[in-house]
Structure formats: structure tokens, C-alpha cells
């Protein structure tokens, strides 16, 4: 999915902003480590792969620095997170947790009524991160290497935080 004029040019709340990734090619020295962190023990998931697959991407800017990135797509009425990582030097400052509701707000304005995130089953840090943000695991009859989590966006504040 490409970013179009329906998406805001940036969204800010406090000291965190998300800005669309442009140009389509991304480069940062921390992206390789982040790709491994996102995947857990599985094969690394690179942000560029997600963008090449058509997901939309946003830089996470905290205190004026690019501190991370995220990607997602919207299918039907669901926002599906496909990548979220913070540069290791900026972890534990709250920028990842602050970026999630910013994107949820934008996705809600685009018609998404829920957000879904697939997690590697062995990534306990990611599980805890998403649980803290109000996501709950979905029950599945299938045994897989992924845990899907969901959060309703019906309670997302869609006030105009776009700049």
C-alpha cells in the first residue's frame, strides 16, 4: 500500500512523531539489528522487505531524532502491523509505545476498526510490549510459530493530531 493524500504527512503527540518513509529505499545503521530483533529466532525480517511487499512505512522520530520505524497495511477494516522496531540506542525511552497510538489513530481515520499484530512465538519481549498497549492474544486452533494479537480501535482518539 502506498502512502497517499488520505494519510497525514506526519502525526505528533508530545515528543514523538511518525513521518512517512520517503523515498521508498530505507537505510540506517541500526536496521540490520532491528530486523533480527523483530524476528526473534526466525529469519530476520527487514523493513525494506515489508515496504517492497506494499506495506506503508513510517519513521519514528523522538526528541528530533529518527529513533525507529514501523510498517503496516490495512486489509478490509483491519490495520495489520508488519514491522516495528526502535534503534537499540533509543530503546526504553517510550518511543515505540508512543508511536503505536499515533499510527492507530491514522488507521482508524482510514476506516480500520481493529489492529492485528503477528508475533514470533518465541519473542517474549514483543509479547509483553503489545500486552502493555492493550493487545490481547487471539485463540487459534492451529499450532504455529506466530501468535496473533488484537486490539479494537473503536476507543482510539481520532482528534486531529496530524501536522
N, C-alpha and C. Protein backbone atom coordinates (compact mmCIF):
# COMPACT_ATOMS: atom_id res chain seq x y z
N UNK A 1 0.85 -1.16 0.00
CA UNK A 1 0.00 0.00 0.00
C UNK A 1 0.90 1.22 0.00
N UNK A 2 0.64 2.12 -0.89
CA UNK A 2 1.43 3.34 -0.91
C UNK A 2 0.74 4.41 -0.11
N UNK A 3 1.54 5.29 0.40
CA UNK A 3 1.01 6.40 1.15
C UNK A 3 0.38 7.36 0.16
N UNK A 4 -0.82 7.80 0.41
CA UNK A 4 -1.45 8.74 -0.50
C UNK A 4 -1.90 9.96 0.28
N UNK A 5 -2.62 10.84 -0.38
CA UNK A 5 -3.00 12.09 0.26
C UNK A 5 -3.99 11.90 1.40
N UNK A 6 -4.60 10.72 1.53
CA UNK A 6 -5.50 10.47 2.64
C UNK A 6 -4.76 10.26 3.96
N UNK A 7 -3.48 9.93 3.88
CA UNK A 7 -2.67 9.77 5.09
C UNK A 7 -2.08 11.12 5.44
N UNK A 8 -2.04 11.46 6.72
CA UNK A 8 -1.45 12.74 7.11
C UNK A 8 0.06 12.74 6.85
N UNK A 9 0.65 13.92 6.59
CA UNK A 9 2.08 13.99 6.34
C UNK A 9 2.91 13.63 7.56
N UNK A 10 2.40 13.85 8.74
CA UNK A 10 3.04 13.40 9.98
C UNK A 10 2.01 13.48 11.09
N UNK A 11 2.28 12.75 12.16
CA UNK A 11 1.39 12.75 13.32
C UNK A 11 2.27 12.92 14.55
N UNK A 12 1.91 13.86 15.40
CA UNK A 12 2.73 14.18 16.57
C UNK A 12 1.89 14.13 17.83
N UNK A 13 2.54 13.66 18.89
CA UNK A 13 1.94 13.72 20.22
C UNK A 13 3.10 13.83 21.21
N UNK A 14 3.20 14.95 21.85
CA UNK A 14 4.29 15.13 22.80
C UNK A 14 5.63 15.14 22.11
N UNK A 15 6.52 14.28 22.55
CA UNK A 15 7.87 14.27 21.99
C UNK A 15 8.07 13.23 20.89
N UNK A 16 6.99 12.56 20.46
CA UNK A 16 7.09 11.53 19.43
C UNK A 16 6.27 11.91 18.21
N UNK A 17 6.86 11.68 17.04
CA UNK A 17 6.21 11.94 15.75
C UNK A 17 6.42 10.72 14.87
N UNK A 18 5.42 10.40 14.03
CA UNK A 18 5.66 9.43 12.96
C UNK A 18 5.52 10.18 11.65
N UNK A 19 6.47 9.89 10.73
CA UNK A 19 6.52 10.54 9.43
C UNK A 19 6.64 9.46 8.36
N UNK A 20 5.93 9.60 7.25
CA UNK A 20 6.03 8.59 6.19
C UNK A 20 7.47 8.42 5.71
N UNK A 21 7.84 7.18 5.45
CA UNK A 21 9.17 6.89 4.91
C UNK A 21 9.19 7.29 3.45
N UNK A 22 10.12 8.13 3.12
CA UNK A 22 10.32 8.55 1.74
C UNK A 22 11.79 8.88 1.59
N UNK A 23 12.44 8.47 0.59
CA UNK A 23 11.97 7.67 -0.54
C UNK A 23 11.72 6.21 -0.12
N UNK A 24 11.33 5.40 -1.11
CA UNK A 24 10.93 4.02 -0.82
C UNK A 24 12.10 3.18 -0.30
N UNK A 25 13.34 3.54 -0.61
CA UNK A 25 14.50 2.80 -0.11
C UNK A 25 14.90 3.36 1.24
N UNK A 26 15.13 2.49 2.18
CA UNK A 26 15.48 2.94 3.52
C UNK A 26 16.89 2.47 3.87
N UNK A 27 17.56 3.29 4.63
CA UNK A 27 18.90 2.93 5.09
C UNK A 27 19.15 3.58 6.44
N UNK A 28 19.62 2.80 7.37
CA UNK A 28 20.05 3.29 8.67
C UNK A 28 20.93 2.20 9.26
N UNK A 29 21.96 2.57 9.99
CA UNK A 29 22.91 1.59 10.50
C UNK A 29 22.29 0.59 11.46
N UNK A 30 21.19 0.89 12.09
CA UNK A 30 20.57 0.01 13.09
C UNK A 30 19.54 -0.94 12.52
N UNK A 31 19.20 -0.83 11.23
CA UNK A 31 18.11 -1.64 10.67
C UNK A 31 18.41 -3.14 10.66
N UNK A 32 19.67 -3.53 10.48
CA UNK A 32 20.01 -4.96 10.48
C UNK A 32 19.76 -5.60 11.84
N UNK A 33 20.20 -4.94 12.90
CA UNK A 33 19.96 -5.45 14.26
C UNK A 33 18.47 -5.48 14.55
N UNK A 34 17.76 -4.46 14.11
CA UNK A 34 16.32 -4.40 14.34
C UNK A 34 15.61 -5.53 13.60
N UNK A 35 16.05 -5.86 12.39
CA UNK A 35 15.43 -6.95 11.62
C UNK A 35 15.56 -8.27 12.38
N UNK A 36 16.69 -8.48 13.04
CA UNK A 36 16.87 -9.70 13.83
C UNK A 36 16.01 -9.66 15.09
N UNK A 37 15.91 -8.51 15.72
CA UNK A 37 15.11 -8.38 16.94
C UNK A 37 13.63 -8.61 16.66
N UNK A 38 13.13 -8.08 15.56
CA UNK A 38 11.72 -8.23 15.20
C UNK A 38 11.38 -9.71 14.98
N UNK A 39 12.31 -10.46 14.42
CA UNK A 39 12.04 -11.85 14.04
C UNK A 39 12.19 -12.85 15.18
N UNK A 40 12.79 -12.47 16.29
CA UNK A 40 13.06 -13.46 17.32
C UNK A 40 14.11 -14.44 16.82
N UNK A 41 13.82 -15.73 16.92
CA UNK A 41 14.78 -16.74 16.46
C UNK A 41 14.60 -17.09 14.98
N UNK A 42 13.57 -16.55 14.37
CA UNK A 42 13.30 -16.85 12.96
C UNK A 42 14.22 -16.03 12.05
N UNK A 43 14.09 -16.25 10.77
CA UNK A 43 14.85 -15.49 9.77
C UNK A 43 14.55 -14.00 9.94
N UNK A 44 15.58 -13.13 9.88
CA UNK A 44 15.34 -11.70 10.05
C UNK A 44 14.30 -11.15 9.08
N UNK A 45 13.52 -10.22 9.58
CA UNK A 45 12.51 -9.55 8.77
C UNK A 45 13.00 -8.12 8.55
N UNK A 46 13.33 -7.79 7.32
CA UNK A 46 13.87 -6.47 7.00
C UNK A 46 12.75 -5.50 6.64
N UNK A 47 12.89 -4.30 7.11
CA UNK A 47 11.90 -3.27 6.82
C UNK A 47 11.71 -3.10 5.31
N UNK A 48 12.79 -3.11 4.56
CA UNK A 48 12.69 -2.94 3.12
C UNK A 48 11.83 -4.03 2.49
N UNK A 49 11.90 -5.25 3.01
CA UNK A 49 11.05 -6.34 2.50
C UNK A 49 9.58 -5.98 2.68
N UNK A 50 9.23 -5.42 3.82
CA UNK A 50 7.84 -5.06 4.08
C UNK A 50 7.40 -3.94 3.15
N UNK A 51 8.26 -2.96 2.92
CA UNK A 51 7.90 -1.87 2.02
C UNK A 51 7.78 -2.38 0.58
N UNK A 52 8.70 -3.27 0.18
CA UNK A 52 8.63 -3.85 -1.17
C UNK A 52 7.37 -4.68 -1.35
N UNK A 53 6.82 -5.24 -0.26
CA UNK A 53 5.59 -6.03 -0.32
C UNK A 53 4.35 -5.15 -0.37
N UNK A 54 4.54 -3.82 -0.28
CA UNK A 54 3.41 -2.91 -0.41
C UNK A 54 2.92 -2.32 0.90
N UNK A 55 3.58 -2.66 2.02
CA UNK A 55 3.18 -2.06 3.30
C UNK A 55 3.57 -0.59 3.32
N UNK A 56 2.89 0.17 4.15
CA UNK A 56 3.26 1.57 4.32
C UNK A 56 4.27 1.65 5.45
N UNK A 57 5.17 2.59 5.36
CA UNK A 57 6.21 2.71 6.37
C UNK A 57 6.28 4.12 6.93
N UNK A 58 6.63 4.19 8.19
CA UNK A 58 6.75 5.47 8.89
C UNK A 58 8.04 5.46 9.71
N UNK A 59 8.75 6.57 9.70
CA UNK A 59 9.86 6.77 10.64
C UNK A 59 9.26 7.17 11.97
N UNK A 60 9.86 6.74 13.04
CA UNK A 60 9.50 7.18 14.38
C UNK A 60 10.56 8.19 14.80
N UNK A 61 10.12 9.40 15.06
CA UNK A 61 11.02 10.48 15.42
C UNK A 61 10.76 10.83 16.88
N UNK A 62 11.80 10.79 17.68
CA UNK A 62 11.69 11.13 19.09
C UNK A 62 12.71 12.17 19.46
N UNK A 63 12.27 13.20 20.10
CA UNK A 63 13.16 14.30 20.51
C UNK A 63 14.02 14.78 19.34
N UNK A 64 13.43 14.81 18.14
CA UNK A 64 14.11 15.32 16.96
C UNK A 64 15.02 14.34 16.24
N UNK A 65 15.12 13.10 16.71
CA UNK A 65 15.98 12.09 16.09
C UNK A 65 15.13 10.95 15.53
N UNK A 66 15.55 10.38 14.39
CA UNK A 66 14.91 9.16 13.91
C UNK A 66 15.35 8.05 14.85
N UNK A 67 14.41 7.50 15.61
CA UNK A 67 14.72 6.50 16.63
C UNK A 67 14.19 5.12 16.28
N UNK A 68 13.35 5.02 15.25
CA UNK A 68 12.78 3.74 14.90
C UNK A 68 11.96 3.84 13.63
N UNK A 69 11.27 2.76 13.33
CA UNK A 69 10.42 2.71 12.14
C UNK A 69 9.32 1.69 12.36
N UNK A 70 8.26 1.84 11.58
CA UNK A 70 7.17 0.88 11.63
C UNK A 70 6.63 0.70 10.23
N UNK A 71 5.99 -0.42 10.00
CA UNK A 71 5.26 -0.64 8.76
C UNK A 71 3.99 -1.40 9.08
N UNK A 72 3.01 -1.21 8.23
CA UNK A 72 1.71 -1.84 8.42
C UNK A 72 0.97 -1.82 7.10
N UNK A 73 -0.14 -2.49 7.08
CA UNK A 73 -1.04 -2.43 5.92
C UNK A 73 -2.46 -2.46 6.45
N UNK A 74 -3.38 -2.03 5.63
CA UNK A 74 -4.78 -2.11 6.00
C UNK A 74 -5.45 -3.08 5.03
N UNK A 75 -6.09 -4.09 5.59
CA UNK A 75 -6.86 -5.06 4.81
C UNK A 75 -8.27 -5.05 5.36
N UNK A 76 -9.22 -4.80 4.49
CA UNK A 76 -10.62 -4.68 4.90
C UNK A 76 -10.68 -3.63 5.98
N UNK A 77 -11.10 -3.97 7.17
CA UNK A 77 -11.19 -2.98 8.24
C UNK A 77 -10.16 -3.24 9.34
N UNK A 78 -9.06 -3.91 8.99
CA UNK A 78 -8.02 -4.22 9.96
C UNK A 78 -6.68 -3.58 9.59
N UNK A 79 -6.07 -2.92 10.55
CA UNK A 79 -4.68 -2.47 10.40
C UNK A 79 -3.82 -3.63 10.87
N UNK A 80 -2.89 -4.07 10.04
CA UNK A 80 -2.04 -5.19 10.39
C UNK A 80 -0.60 -4.69 10.49
N UNK A 81 -0.06 -4.74 11.70
CA UNK A 81 1.32 -4.34 11.94
C UNK A 81 2.23 -5.38 11.30
N UNK A 82 3.23 -4.95 10.56
CA UNK A 82 4.16 -5.90 9.96
C UNK A 82 5.60 -5.68 10.42
N UNK A 83 5.88 -4.54 11.03
CA UNK A 83 7.25 -4.27 11.48
C UNK A 83 7.20 -3.09 12.43
N UNK A 84 7.86 -3.20 13.55
CA UNK A 84 8.02 -2.09 14.49
C UNK A 84 9.30 -2.33 15.25
N UNK A 85 10.22 -1.39 15.15
CA UNK A 85 11.49 -1.54 15.87
C UNK A 85 12.03 -0.17 16.22
N UNK A 86 12.72 -0.14 17.34
CA UNK A 86 13.41 1.06 17.79
C UNK A 86 14.90 0.77 17.79
N UNK A 87 15.67 1.72 17.32
CA UNK A 87 17.13 1.63 17.36
C UNK A 87 17.52 1.28 18.80
N UNK A 88 18.41 0.31 18.97
CA UNK A 88 18.80 -0.17 20.30
C UNK A 88 19.27 0.98 21.20
N UNK A 89 19.86 2.01 20.63
CA UNK A 89 20.34 3.14 21.43
C UNK A 89 19.19 3.95 22.02
N UNK A 90 17.97 3.78 21.48
CA UNK A 90 16.82 4.57 21.92
C UNK A 90 15.75 3.74 22.59
N UNK A 91 16.00 2.46 22.81
CA UNK A 91 15.01 1.62 23.47
C UNK A 91 14.87 2.02 24.94
N UNK A 92 13.71 1.78 25.48
CA UNK A 92 13.38 2.06 26.89
C UNK A 92 13.15 3.54 27.17
N UNK A 93 12.99 4.34 26.11
CA UNK A 93 12.63 5.74 26.29
C UNK A 93 11.15 5.98 26.02
N UNK A 94 10.41 4.92 25.65
CA UNK A 94 8.98 5.03 25.43
C UNK A 94 8.55 5.42 24.02
N UNK A 95 9.49 5.50 23.09
CA UNK A 95 9.13 5.94 21.74
C UNK A 95 8.30 4.91 20.98
N UNK A 96 8.59 3.62 21.14
CA UNK A 96 7.79 2.59 20.47
C UNK A 96 6.35 2.61 20.96
N UNK A 97 6.19 2.64 22.27
CA UNK A 97 4.85 2.69 22.85
C UNK A 97 4.10 3.95 22.49
N UNK A 98 4.81 5.05 22.30
CA UNK A 98 4.16 6.31 21.91
C UNK A 98 3.78 6.31 20.43
N UNK A 99 4.54 5.59 19.61
CA UNK A 99 4.26 5.57 18.16
C UNK A 99 3.03 4.74 17.83
N UNK A 100 2.77 3.69 18.62
CA UNK A 100 1.64 2.79 18.32
C UNK A 100 0.31 3.54 18.26
N UNK A 101 -0.07 4.32 19.28
CA UNK A 101 -1.36 5.01 19.18
C UNK A 101 -1.40 6.07 18.08
N UNK A 102 -0.24 6.61 17.71
CA UNK A 102 -0.23 7.58 16.61
C UNK A 102 -0.66 6.90 15.31
N UNK A 103 -0.07 5.72 15.04
CA UNK A 103 -0.47 5.00 13.83
C UNK A 103 -1.89 4.48 13.94
N UNK A 104 -2.28 3.99 15.12
CA UNK A 104 -3.65 3.50 15.29
C UNK A 104 -4.66 4.61 14.98
N UNK A 105 -4.36 5.83 15.41
CA UNK A 105 -5.24 6.96 15.13
C UNK A 105 -5.38 7.18 13.63
N UNK A 106 -4.25 7.17 12.92
CA UNK A 106 -4.29 7.36 11.47
C UNK A 106 -5.05 6.22 10.79
N UNK A 107 -4.82 4.98 11.24
CA UNK A 107 -5.51 3.82 10.65
C UNK A 107 -7.01 3.88 10.93
N UNK A 108 -7.36 4.31 12.13
CA UNK A 108 -8.78 4.45 12.48
C UNK A 108 -9.45 5.49 11.57
N UNK A 109 -8.78 6.58 11.32
CA UNK A 109 -9.33 7.60 10.42
C UNK A 109 -9.48 7.07 9.00
N UNK A 110 -8.67 6.07 8.63
CA UNK A 110 -8.76 5.44 7.31
C UNK A 110 -9.77 4.31 7.28
N UNK A 111 -10.49 4.06 8.37
CA UNK A 111 -11.55 3.05 8.38
C UNK A 111 -11.24 1.76 9.09
N UNK A 112 -10.04 1.61 9.65
CA UNK A 112 -9.72 0.39 10.39
C UNK A 112 -10.46 0.41 11.73
N UNK A 113 -11.06 -0.72 12.09
CA UNK A 113 -11.73 -0.78 13.39
C UNK A 113 -11.03 -1.73 14.36
N UNK A 114 -9.94 -2.35 13.90
CA UNK A 114 -9.13 -3.19 14.77
C UNK A 114 -7.69 -3.16 14.26
N UNK A 115 -6.78 -3.50 15.15
CA UNK A 115 -5.38 -3.65 14.78
C UNK A 115 -4.94 -5.05 15.16
N UNK A 116 -4.18 -5.66 14.28
CA UNK A 116 -3.67 -7.02 14.49
C UNK A 116 -2.16 -6.99 14.37
N UNK A 117 -1.50 -7.83 15.16
CA UNK A 117 -0.05 -7.96 15.06
C UNK A 117 0.33 -9.43 15.20
N UNK A 118 1.09 -9.94 14.21
CA UNK A 118 1.61 -11.30 14.34
C UNK A 118 2.99 -11.24 15.00
N UNK A 119 3.20 -12.05 16.02
CA UNK A 119 4.48 -12.06 16.73
C UNK A 119 5.12 -13.43 16.63
N UNK A 120 6.45 -13.46 16.54
CA UNK A 120 7.11 -14.76 16.66
C UNK A 120 6.77 -15.35 18.04
N UNK A 121 6.44 -16.61 18.08
CA UNK A 121 6.01 -17.25 19.32
C UNK A 121 7.10 -17.22 20.40
N UNK A 122 8.36 -17.07 19.99
CA UNK A 122 9.45 -17.08 20.96
C UNK A 122 9.92 -15.68 21.37
N UNK A 123 9.20 -14.65 20.98
CA UNK A 123 9.62 -13.28 21.29
C UNK A 123 8.82 -12.73 22.47
N UNK A 124 9.24 -13.08 23.67
CA UNK A 124 8.54 -12.67 24.87
C UNK A 124 8.56 -11.16 25.10
N UNK A 125 9.64 -10.50 24.70
CA UNK A 125 9.72 -9.04 24.85
C UNK A 125 8.63 -8.38 24.02
N UNK A 126 8.46 -8.85 22.79
CA UNK A 126 7.42 -8.28 21.92
C UNK A 126 6.02 -8.57 22.49
N UNK A 127 5.83 -9.77 22.99
CA UNK A 127 4.54 -10.12 23.58
C UNK A 127 4.21 -9.16 24.73
N UNK A 128 5.14 -8.93 25.61
CA UNK A 128 4.93 -8.03 26.74
C UNK A 128 4.66 -6.60 26.25
N UNK A 129 5.42 -6.15 25.24
CA UNK A 129 5.23 -4.82 24.68
C UNK A 129 3.79 -4.62 24.22
N UNK A 130 3.29 -5.56 23.42
CA UNK A 130 1.94 -5.42 22.86
C UNK A 130 0.87 -5.61 23.94
N UNK A 131 1.09 -6.48 24.91
CA UNK A 131 0.15 -6.63 26.02
C UNK A 131 0.00 -5.32 26.78
N UNK A 132 1.11 -4.64 27.05
CA UNK A 132 1.07 -3.36 27.76
C UNK A 132 0.26 -2.31 27.01
N UNK A 133 0.19 -2.45 25.69
CA UNK A 133 -0.53 -1.48 24.87
C UNK A 133 -1.99 -1.87 24.64
N UNK A 134 -2.45 -2.91 25.34
CA UNK A 134 -3.86 -3.28 25.27
C UNK A 134 -4.20 -4.34 24.24
N UNK A 135 -3.21 -4.96 23.62
CA UNK A 135 -3.46 -6.03 22.66
C UNK A 135 -3.66 -7.33 23.43
N UNK A 136 -4.54 -8.17 22.93
CA UNK A 136 -4.80 -9.47 23.56
C UNK A 136 -4.54 -10.58 22.54
N UNK A 137 -3.99 -11.70 23.01
CA UNK A 137 -3.75 -12.83 22.09
C UNK A 137 -5.07 -13.38 21.56
N UNK A 138 -5.07 -13.76 20.29
CA UNK A 138 -6.23 -14.41 19.70
C UNK A 138 -6.07 -15.91 19.88
N UNK A 139 -7.15 -16.57 20.17
CA UNK A 139 -7.11 -18.03 20.28
C UNK A 139 -7.04 -18.62 18.88
N UNK A 140 -6.26 -19.65 18.76
CA UNK A 140 -6.11 -20.30 17.47
C UNK A 140 -6.12 -21.81 17.67
N UNK A 141 -6.81 -22.51 16.80
CA UNK A 141 -6.81 -23.96 16.85
C UNK A 141 -5.57 -24.55 16.22
N UNK A 142 -4.80 -23.71 15.52
CA UNK A 142 -3.61 -24.18 14.84
C UNK A 142 -2.37 -23.91 15.68
N UNK A 143 -1.47 -24.84 15.70
CA UNK A 143 -0.17 -24.62 16.32
C UNK A 143 0.71 -24.01 15.25
N UNK A 144 1.29 -22.85 15.56
CA UNK A 144 2.16 -22.22 14.56
C UNK A 144 3.29 -21.51 15.26
N UNK A 145 4.15 -20.91 14.46
CA UNK A 145 5.27 -20.17 15.01
C UNK A 145 4.91 -18.70 15.25
N UNK A 146 3.64 -18.34 15.09
CA UNK A 146 3.18 -16.97 15.28
C UNK A 146 2.07 -16.92 16.32
N UNK A 147 2.09 -15.84 17.09
CA UNK A 147 1.00 -15.51 18.00
C UNK A 147 0.36 -14.24 17.44
N UNK A 148 -0.93 -14.30 17.16
CA UNK A 148 -1.63 -13.11 16.69
C UNK A 148 -2.27 -12.40 17.86
N UNK A 149 -2.13 -11.08 17.86
CA UNK A 149 -2.72 -10.26 18.92
C UNK A 149 -3.63 -9.22 18.27
N UNK A 150 -4.63 -8.79 19.03
CA UNK A 150 -5.65 -7.89 18.50
C UNK A 150 -5.97 -6.78 19.50
N UNK A 151 -6.31 -5.64 18.96
CA UNK A 151 -6.82 -4.53 19.77
C UNK A 151 -7.89 -3.82 18.98
N UNK A 152 -9.01 -3.54 19.62
CA UNK A 152 -10.08 -2.78 19.00
C UNK A 152 -9.64 -1.33 18.87
N UNK A 153 -9.97 -0.72 17.75
CA UNK A 153 -9.66 0.70 17.55
C UNK A 153 -10.88 1.58 17.78
N UNK A 154 -11.96 0.99 18.27
CA UNK A 154 -13.17 1.78 18.48
C UNK A 154 -12.98 2.82 19.57
N UNK A 155 -12.00 2.60 20.45
CA UNK A 155 -11.76 3.58 21.51
C UNK A 155 -10.57 4.49 21.22
N UNK A 156 -10.04 4.43 19.98
CA UNK A 156 -8.91 5.28 19.61
C UNK A 156 -9.38 6.73 19.48
N UNK A 157 -8.61 7.61 20.04
CA UNK A 157 -8.91 9.05 19.97
C UNK A 157 -8.52 9.55 18.58
N UNK A 158 -9.48 9.94 17.78
CA UNK A 158 -9.20 10.43 16.43
C UNK A 158 -9.20 11.94 16.37
N UNK A 159 -8.81 12.57 17.46
CA UNK A 159 -8.68 14.02 17.42
C UNK A 159 -7.55 14.37 16.46
N UNK A 160 -7.56 15.54 15.96
CA UNK A 160 -6.62 15.93 14.92
C UNK A 160 -5.24 16.19 15.50
N UNK A 161 -4.39 15.15 15.52
CA UNK A 161 -3.01 15.32 15.97
C UNK A 161 -2.08 15.40 14.78
N UNK A 162 -2.63 15.35 13.56
CA UNK A 162 -1.81 15.43 12.35
C UNK A 162 -1.28 16.83 12.19
N UNK A 163 -0.05 16.91 11.71
CA UNK A 163 0.56 18.21 11.43
C UNK A 163 0.93 18.32 10.00
